[in-house]
Amino acid sequence: MAQLLREFYELCEGGVCQDLLTESEKRFVSEGGLILSGKLQEAECENGNGRVYPLPILSREIGKYSKIVADNRALGELDHPESSIVNLANVSHMVTKIWMEGPAVMGKIKVLTTPAGQILKSLIEANVKIGISSRGLGSVRDDRGKTYVEDDFQLIAFDIVSEPSTAGAFMALSESKLMNEQIAKNNKVLNLIDSILGT
C-alpha cells in the first residue's frame, strides 16, 4: 500500500555547486535574491528514516522530475505537509536544476519572494540550520533488516524543513552571492581605511 514517504537532509554552508549561474540567476542574486545548491537526496544508502532508495528507481523519478523543473513547476513548501499535493499558498522555493552525480541527487534552488519564501530567506540570512526533504508516494518492503522503497515510488516535491535526519547533504548560497557579500565587506574596510587616512 502506497504511503507518504518523506526524507530529510541537512542544509548548511558548504558543498557549493560549481556550475555557473545563468544570466537571469546572476540578476536575481544581484537584486538580493538567494540561490541554494547542493545534495537533495541519495540512493543506495540507508537514510535517517531507515529507508533505502534503489538507484534505478530514484534515477527514474529524477528523470521525470527534470521535466517539471524545465516547466518551472518544481515548487516546494516551507515545512513538511502531510499531503501529497503542493499547496501554492505555502510555496517558498523552486528547484531550477536537478541532476544525478552517481547515487547523489544534486540540485539548484531559487528562494522565491512569496510570504513563505521571505521567511525562508530570513532564516538563511540569520544562519538558522535548516533541511531539505523529499516528499513522495510509494510502498516499502523489508529485506534483511533494511527497508527498501518499491518500484511504485513517485517523487512529488522537495520541501524545506527544520529537522533534518540525514547528514551529508549540503546546500549553500551560490558563489556569486557569497562573492558579493565578501566584496561588500572588503569595500567597507577600504572605506574605513580611506576615512582614517583622509583620502
C-alpha atoms as a PDB file:
ATOM      1  CA  MET A   1       0.000   0.000   0.000  1.00  0.00           C
ATOM      2  CA  ALA A   2       1.362   3.414  -1.014  1.00  0.00           C
ATOM      3  CA  GLN A   3       2.218   5.843   1.776  1.00  0.00           C
ATOM      4  CA  LEU A   4       3.640   9.346   2.003  1.00  0.00           C
ATOM      5  CA  LEU A   5       7.443   8.988   2.189  1.00  0.00           C
ATOM      6  CA  ARG A   6       9.476  11.918   3.473  1.00  0.00           C
ATOM      7  CA  GLU A   7      13.271  12.094   3.715  1.00  0.00           C
ATOM      8  CA  PHE A   8      15.256  14.840   5.431  1.00  0.00           C
ATOM      9  CA  TYR A   9      18.662  16.277   4.509  1.00  0.00           C
ATOM     10  CA  GLU A  10      20.626  18.994   6.246  1.00  0.00           C
ATOM     11  CA  LEU A  11      21.079  22.383   4.603  1.00  0.00           C
ATOM     12  CA  CYS A  12      24.123  24.379   5.682  1.00  0.00           C
ATOM     13  CA  GLU A  13      27.197  26.184   4.413  1.00  0.00           C
ATOM     14  CA  GLY A  14      29.451  24.067   2.229  1.00  0.00           C
ATOM     15  CA  GLY A  15      29.128  21.874  -0.845  1.00  0.00           C
ATOM     16  CA  VAL A  16      28.671  24.729  -3.299  1.00  0.00           C
ATOM     17  CA  CYS A  17      27.697  23.622  -6.777  1.00  0.00           C
ATOM     18  CA  GLN A  18      30.487  24.656  -9.163  1.00  0.00           C
ATOM     19  CA  ASP A  19      28.444  25.282 -12.296  1.00  0.00           C
ATOM     20  CA  LEU A  20      27.992  28.918 -13.286  1.00  0.00           C
ATOM     21  CA  LEU A  21      24.816  30.827 -12.620  1.00  0.00           C
ATOM     22  CA  THR A  22      22.700  31.745 -15.614  1.00  0.00           C
ATOM     23  CA  GLU A  23      22.356  35.420 -16.521  1.00  0.00           C
ATOM     24  CA  SER A  24      18.860  35.559 -15.010  1.00  0.00           C
ATOM     25  CA  GLU A  25      20.168  33.935 -11.796  1.00  0.00           C
ATOM     26  CA  LYS A  26      23.023  36.455 -11.619  1.00  0.00           C
ATOM     27  CA  ARG A  27      20.473  39.267 -11.987  1.00  0.00           C
ATOM     28  CA  PHE A  28      18.261  37.671  -9.322  1.00  0.00           C
ATOM     29  CA  VAL A  29      21.200  37.369  -6.886  1.00  0.00           C
ATOM     30  CA  SER A  30      22.412  40.921  -7.613  1.00  0.00           C
ATOM     31  CA  GLU A  31      18.935  42.171  -6.656  1.00  0.00           C
ATOM     32  CA  GLY A  32      19.125  40.427  -3.273  1.00  0.00           C
ATOM     33  CA  GLY A  33      17.687  37.029  -4.215  1.00  0.00           C
ATOM     34  CA  LEU A  34      19.044  33.721  -2.942  1.00  0.00           C
ATOM     35  CA  ILE A  35      20.100  30.650  -4.918  1.00  0.00           C
ATOM     36  CA  LEU A  36      20.980  27.473  -2.997  1.00  0.00           C
ATOM     37  CA  SER A  37      22.766  24.434  -4.365  1.00  0.00           C
ATOM     38  CA  GLY A  38      23.853  21.012  -3.162  1.00  0.00           C
ATOM     39  CA  LYS A  39      22.684  17.469  -2.441  1.00  0.00           C
ATOM     40  CA  LEU A  40      18.928  16.880  -2.325  1.00  0.00           C
ATOM     41  CA  GLN A  41      18.686  13.087  -1.953  1.00  0.00           C
ATOM     42  CA  GLU A  42      20.805   9.933  -2.227  1.00  0.00           C
ATOM     43  CA  ALA A  43      20.272   6.386  -3.473  1.00  0.00           C
ATOM     44  CA  GLU A  44      21.628   3.049  -2.256  1.00  0.00           C
ATOM     45  CA  CYS A  45      22.308   4.080   1.346  1.00  0.00           C
ATOM     46  CA  GLU A  46      20.152   3.796   4.439  1.00  0.00           C
ATOM     47  CA  ASN A  47      18.947   7.239   5.464  1.00  0.00           C
ATOM     48  CA  GLY A  48      17.945   8.598   8.859  1.00  0.00           C
ATOM     49  CA  ASN A  49      14.425   7.255   8.407  1.00  0.00           C
ATOM     50  CA  GLY A  50      15.804   3.753   7.864  1.00  0.00           C
ATOM     51  CA  ARG A  51      14.878   3.588   4.172  1.00  0.00           C
ATOM     52  CA  VAL A  52      16.981   2.750   1.114  1.00  0.00           C
ATOM     53  CA  TYR A  53      16.153   4.164  -2.333  1.00  0.00           C
ATOM     54  CA  PRO A  54      17.395   1.840  -5.109  1.00  0.00           C
ATOM     55  CA  LEU A  55      19.351   3.791  -7.732  1.00  0.00           C
ATOM     56  CA  PRO A  56      17.214   2.750 -10.752  1.00  0.00           C
ATOM     57  CA  ILE A  57      14.027   3.911  -9.002  1.00  0.00           C
ATOM     58  CA  LEU A  58      15.450   7.233  -7.822  1.00  0.00           C
ATOM     59  CA  SER A  59      17.116   7.888 -11.214  1.00  0.00           C
ATOM     60  CA  ARG A  60      13.814   7.248 -12.983  1.00  0.00           C
ATOM     61  CA  GLU A  61      11.975   9.698 -10.721  1.00  0.00           C
ATOM     62  CA  ILE A  62      14.648  12.375 -11.110  1.00  0.00           C
ATOM     63  CA  GLY A  63      14.285  11.973 -14.889  1.00  0.00           C
ATOM     64  CA  LYS A  64      10.539  12.592 -14.581  1.00  0.00           C
ATOM     65  CA  TYR A  65      11.035  15.450 -12.132  1.00  0.00           C
ATOM     66  CA  SER A  66      13.501  17.102 -14.558  1.00  0.00           C
ATOM     67  CA  LYS A  67      10.577  17.741 -16.916  1.00  0.00           C
ATOM     68  CA  ILE A  68       8.706  19.532 -14.111  1.00  0.00           C
ATOM     69  CA  VAL A  69      11.861  21.550 -13.394  1.00  0.00           C
ATOM     70  CA  ALA A  70      12.104  22.514 -17.088  1.00  0.00           C
ATOM     71  CA  ASP A  71       8.465  23.709 -16.985  1.00  0.00           C
ATOM     72  CA  ASN A  72       9.163  25.946 -13.922  1.00  0.00           C
ATOM     73  CA  ARG A  73       6.695  23.883 -11.870  1.00  0.00           C
ATOM     74  CA  ALA A  74       9.106  22.208  -9.403  1.00  0.00           C
ATOM     75  CA  LEU A  75       7.799  24.036  -6.341  1.00  0.00           C
ATOM     76  CA  GLY A  76       8.450  23.195  -2.700  1.00  0.00           C
ATOM     77  CA  GLU A  77       6.912  24.234   0.600  1.00  0.00           C
ATOM     78  CA  LEU A  78       8.238  25.661   3.833  1.00  0.00           C
ATOM     79  CA  ASP A  79       7.709  22.851   6.380  1.00  0.00           C
ATOM     80  CA  HIS A  80       6.542  19.378   5.524  1.00  0.00           C
ATOM     81  CA  PRO A  81       2.841  18.951   4.853  1.00  0.00           C
ATOM     82  CA  GLU A  82       1.008  15.673   5.397  1.00  0.00           C
ATOM     83  CA  SER A  83      -0.479  15.977   1.908  1.00  0.00           C
ATOM     84  CA  SER A  84       0.727  14.636  -1.422  1.00  0.00           C
ATOM     85  CA  ILE A  85      -0.353  17.917  -3.069  1.00  0.00           C
ATOM     86  CA  VAL A  86       1.844  21.033  -3.176  1.00  0.00           C
ATOM     87  CA  ASN A  87      -0.072  23.891  -1.527  1.00  0.00           C
ATOM     88  CA  LEU A  88       0.664  27.046  -3.545  1.00  0.00           C
ATOM     89  CA  ALA A  89      -0.124  29.274  -0.537  1.00  0.00           C
ATOM     90  CA  ASN A  90       2.883  27.788   1.308  1.00  0.00           C
ATOM     91  CA  VAL A  91       5.405  27.635  -1.571  1.00  0.00           C
ATOM     92  CA  SER A  92       8.808  29.060  -0.591  1.00  0.00           C
ATOM     93  CA  HIS A  93      11.156  27.948  -3.357  1.00  0.00           C
ATOM     94  CA  MET A  94      11.525  26.395  -6.790  1.00  0.00           C
ATOM     95  CA  VAL A  95      14.014  23.773  -7.962  1.00  0.00           C
ATOM     96  CA  THR A  96      15.651  25.279 -11.071  1.00  0.00           C
ATOM     97  CA  LYS A  97      18.082  22.463 -11.894  1.00  0.00           C
ATOM     98  CA  ILE A  98      18.367  18.812 -10.848  1.00  0.00           C
ATOM     99  CA  TRP A  99      20.784  16.060 -11.852  1.00  0.00           C
ATOM    100  CA  MET A 100      22.414  12.828 -10.697  1.00  0.00           C
ATOM    101  CA  GLU A 101      26.069  12.534  -9.628  1.00  0.00           C
ATOM    102  CA  GLY A 102      26.462   8.801  -9.099  1.00  0.00           C
ATOM    103  CA  PRO A 103      23.968   7.898  -6.352  1.00  0.00           C
ATOM    104  CA  ALA A 104      23.555  11.539  -5.236  1.00  0.00           C
ATOM    105  CA  VAL A 105      20.753  13.798  -6.429  1.00  0.00           C
ATOM    106  CA  MET A 106      22.123  17.329  -6.816  1.00  0.00           C
ATOM    107  CA  GLY A 107      20.090  20.458  -7.341  1.00  0.00           C
ATOM    108  CA  LYS A 108      19.830  24.210  -7.505  1.00  0.00           C
ATOM    109  CA  ILE A 109      17.023  26.008  -5.640  1.00  0.00           C
ATOM    110  CA  LYS A 110      15.715  29.543  -6.085  1.00  0.00           C
ATOM    111  CA  VAL A 111      14.192  31.106  -2.959  1.00  0.00           C
ATOM    112  CA  LEU A 112      11.001  32.844  -4.100  1.00  0.00           C
ATOM    113  CA  THR A 113       9.633  36.227  -2.989  1.00  0.00           C
ATOM    114  CA  THR A 114       6.419  34.641  -1.672  1.00  0.00           C
ATOM    115  CA  PRO A 115       5.487  35.128   2.020  1.00  0.00           C
ATOM    116  CA  ALA A 116       6.924  31.672   2.836  1.00  0.00           C
ATOM    117  CA  GLY A 117       9.978  32.464   0.697  1.00  0.00           C
ATOM    118  CA  GLN A 118      10.587  35.657   2.666  1.00  0.00           C
ATOM    119  CA  ILE A 119      10.518  33.646   5.897  1.00  0.00           C
ATOM    120  CA  LEU A 120      12.978  31.150   4.386  1.00  0.00           C
ATOM    121  CA  LYS A 121      15.280  33.977   3.259  1.00  0.00           C
ATOM    122  CA  SER A 122      15.225  35.499   6.754  1.00  0.00           C
ATOM    123  CA  LEU A 123      16.097  32.130   8.310  1.00  0.00           C
ATOM    124  CA  ILE A 124      19.009  31.596   5.915  1.00  0.00           C
ATOM    125  CA  GLU A 125      20.360  35.113   6.456  1.00  0.00           C
ATOM    126  CA  ALA A 126      20.164  34.529  10.236  1.00  0.00           C
ATOM    127  CA  ASN A 127      22.294  31.366   9.787  1.00  0.00           C
ATOM    128  CA  VAL A 128      19.497  29.089  11.018  1.00  0.00           C
ATOM    129  CA  LYS A 129      20.299  25.447  10.245  1.00  0.00           C
ATOM    130  CA  ILE A 130      17.536  24.095   8.029  1.00  0.00           C
ATOM    131  CA  GLY A 131      17.000  20.965   5.972  1.00  0.00           C
ATOM    132  CA  ILE A 132      15.725  19.799   2.607  1.00  0.00           C
ATOM    133  CA  SER A 133      13.285  16.928   2.442  1.00  0.00           C
ATOM    134  CA  SER A 134      11.990  14.873  -0.443  1.00  0.00           C
ATOM    135  CA  ARG A 135       8.278  14.066  -0.466  1.00  0.00           C
ATOM    136  CA  GLY A 136       6.837  11.177  -2.447  1.00  0.00           C
ATOM    137  CA  LEU A 137       4.268   8.404  -2.560  1.00  0.00           C
ATOM    138  CA  GLY A 138       5.164   4.745  -2.571  1.00  0.00           C
ATOM    139  CA  SER A 139       5.327   1.472  -0.736  1.00  0.00           C
ATOM    140  CA  VAL A 140       8.242  -0.177   1.054  1.00  0.00           C
ATOM    141  CA  ARG A 141       9.448  -3.717   1.732  1.00  0.00           C
ATOM    142  CA  ASP A 142      11.683  -5.104   4.454  1.00  0.00           C
ATOM    143  CA  ASP A 143      14.637  -7.261   3.438  1.00  0.00           C
ATOM    144  CA  ARG A 144      17.391  -8.441   5.825  1.00  0.00           C
ATOM    145  CA  GLY A 145      16.813  -5.717   8.351  1.00  0.00           C
ATOM    146  CA  LYS A 146      16.582  -2.864   5.816  1.00  0.00           C
ATOM    147  CA  THR A 147      13.535  -1.101   4.395  1.00  0.00           C
ATOM    148  CA  TYR A 148      13.609  -0.641   0.613  1.00  0.00           C
ATOM    149  CA  VAL A 149      11.449   1.777  -1.370  1.00  0.00           C
ATOM    150  CA  GLU A 150       9.463  -0.109  -4.000  1.00  0.00           C
ATOM    151  CA  ASP A 151       9.075   0.472  -7.742  1.00  0.00           C
ATOM    152  CA  ASP A 152       5.750   2.319  -7.303  1.00  0.00           C
ATOM    153  CA  PHE A 153       7.540   5.322  -5.733  1.00  0.00           C
ATOM    154  CA  GLN A 154       6.552   8.726  -7.166  1.00  0.00           C
ATOM    155  CA  LEU A 155       8.550  11.852  -6.302  1.00  0.00           C
ATOM    156  CA  ILE A 156       6.312  14.841  -5.522  1.00  0.00           C
ATOM    157  CA  ALA A 157       8.493  17.687  -4.213  1.00  0.00           C
ATOM    158  CA  PHE A 158      11.488  18.871  -2.218  1.00  0.00           C
ATOM    159  CA  ASP A 159      10.441  20.841   0.877  1.00  0.00           C
ATOM    160  CA  ILE A 160      12.369  22.985   3.362  1.00  0.00           C
ATOM    161  CA  VAL A 161      12.245  21.613   6.916  1.00  0.00           C
ATOM    162  CA  SER A 162      13.598  22.357  10.378  1.00  0.00           C
ATOM    163  CA  GLU A 163      14.568  18.835  11.499  1.00  0.00           C
ATOM    164  CA  PRO A 164      16.977  17.086   9.142  1.00  0.00           C
ATOM    165  CA  SER A 165      17.625  13.425   9.841  1.00  0.00           C
ATOM    166  CA  THR A 166      20.327  12.577   7.314  1.00  0.00           C
ATOM    167  CA  ALA A 167      23.846  14.011   7.400  1.00  0.00           C
ATOM    168  CA  GLY A 168      25.995  14.614   4.327  1.00  0.00           C
ATOM    169  CA  ALA A 169      23.557  16.501   2.095  1.00  0.00           C
ATOM    170  CA  PHE A 170      24.543  20.136   1.981  1.00  0.00           C
ATOM    171  CA  MET A 171      23.047  23.209   0.372  1.00  0.00           C
ATOM    172  CA  ALA A 172      24.820  26.550   0.202  1.00  0.00           C
ATOM    173  CA  LEU A 173      24.402  30.083  -1.028  1.00  0.00           C
ATOM    174  CA  SER A 174      25.518  30.497  -4.611  1.00  0.00           C
ATOM    175  CA  GLU A 175      29.121  31.504  -5.160  1.00  0.00           C
ATOM    176  CA  SER A 176      28.031  34.816  -6.679  1.00  0.00           C
ATOM    177  CA  LYS A 177      26.013  35.703  -3.577  1.00  0.00           C
ATOM    178  CA  LEU A 178      28.945  34.845  -1.317  1.00  0.00           C
ATOM    179  CA  MET A 179      31.305  36.778  -3.571  1.00  0.00           C
ATOM    180  CA  ASN A 180      29.028  39.839  -3.489  1.00  0.00           C
ATOM    181  CA  GLU A 181      28.925  39.674   0.319  1.00  0.00           C
ATOM    182  CA  GLN A 182      32.748  39.443   0.502  1.00  0.00           C
ATOM    183  CA  ILE A 183      33.151  42.372  -1.926  1.00  0.00           C
ATOM    184  CA  ALA A 184      30.747  44.436   0.210  1.00  0.00           C
ATOM    185  CA  LYS A 185      32.782  43.614   3.353  1.00  0.00           C
ATOM    186  CA  ASN A 186      36.044  44.495   1.567  1.00  0.00           C
ATOM    187  CA  ASN A 187      34.566  47.810   0.371  1.00  0.00           C
ATOM    188  CA  LYS A 188      33.539  48.691   3.951  1.00  0.00           C
ATOM    189  CA  VAL A 189      37.094  48.022   5.143  1.00  0.00           C
ATOM    190  CA  LEU A 190      38.561  50.120   2.299  1.00  0.00           C
ATOM    191  CA  ASN A 191      36.136  52.972   3.023  1.00  0.00           C
ATOM    192  CA  LEU A 192      37.112  52.860   6.700  1.00  0.00           C
ATOM    193  CA  ILE A 193      40.818  52.988   5.813  1.00  0.00           C
ATOM    194  CA  ASP A 194      40.174  55.889   3.413  1.00  0.00           C
ATOM    195  CA  SER A 195      38.307  57.827   6.099  1.00  0.00           C
ATOM    196  CA  ILE A 196      41.117  57.248   8.627  1.00  0.00           C
ATOM    197  CA  LEU A 197      43.798  58.290   6.146  1.00  0.00           C
ATOM    198  CA  GLY A 198      41.663  61.160   4.882  1.00  0.00           C
ATOM    199  CA  THR A 199      41.971  60.114   1.248  1.00  0.00           C
END
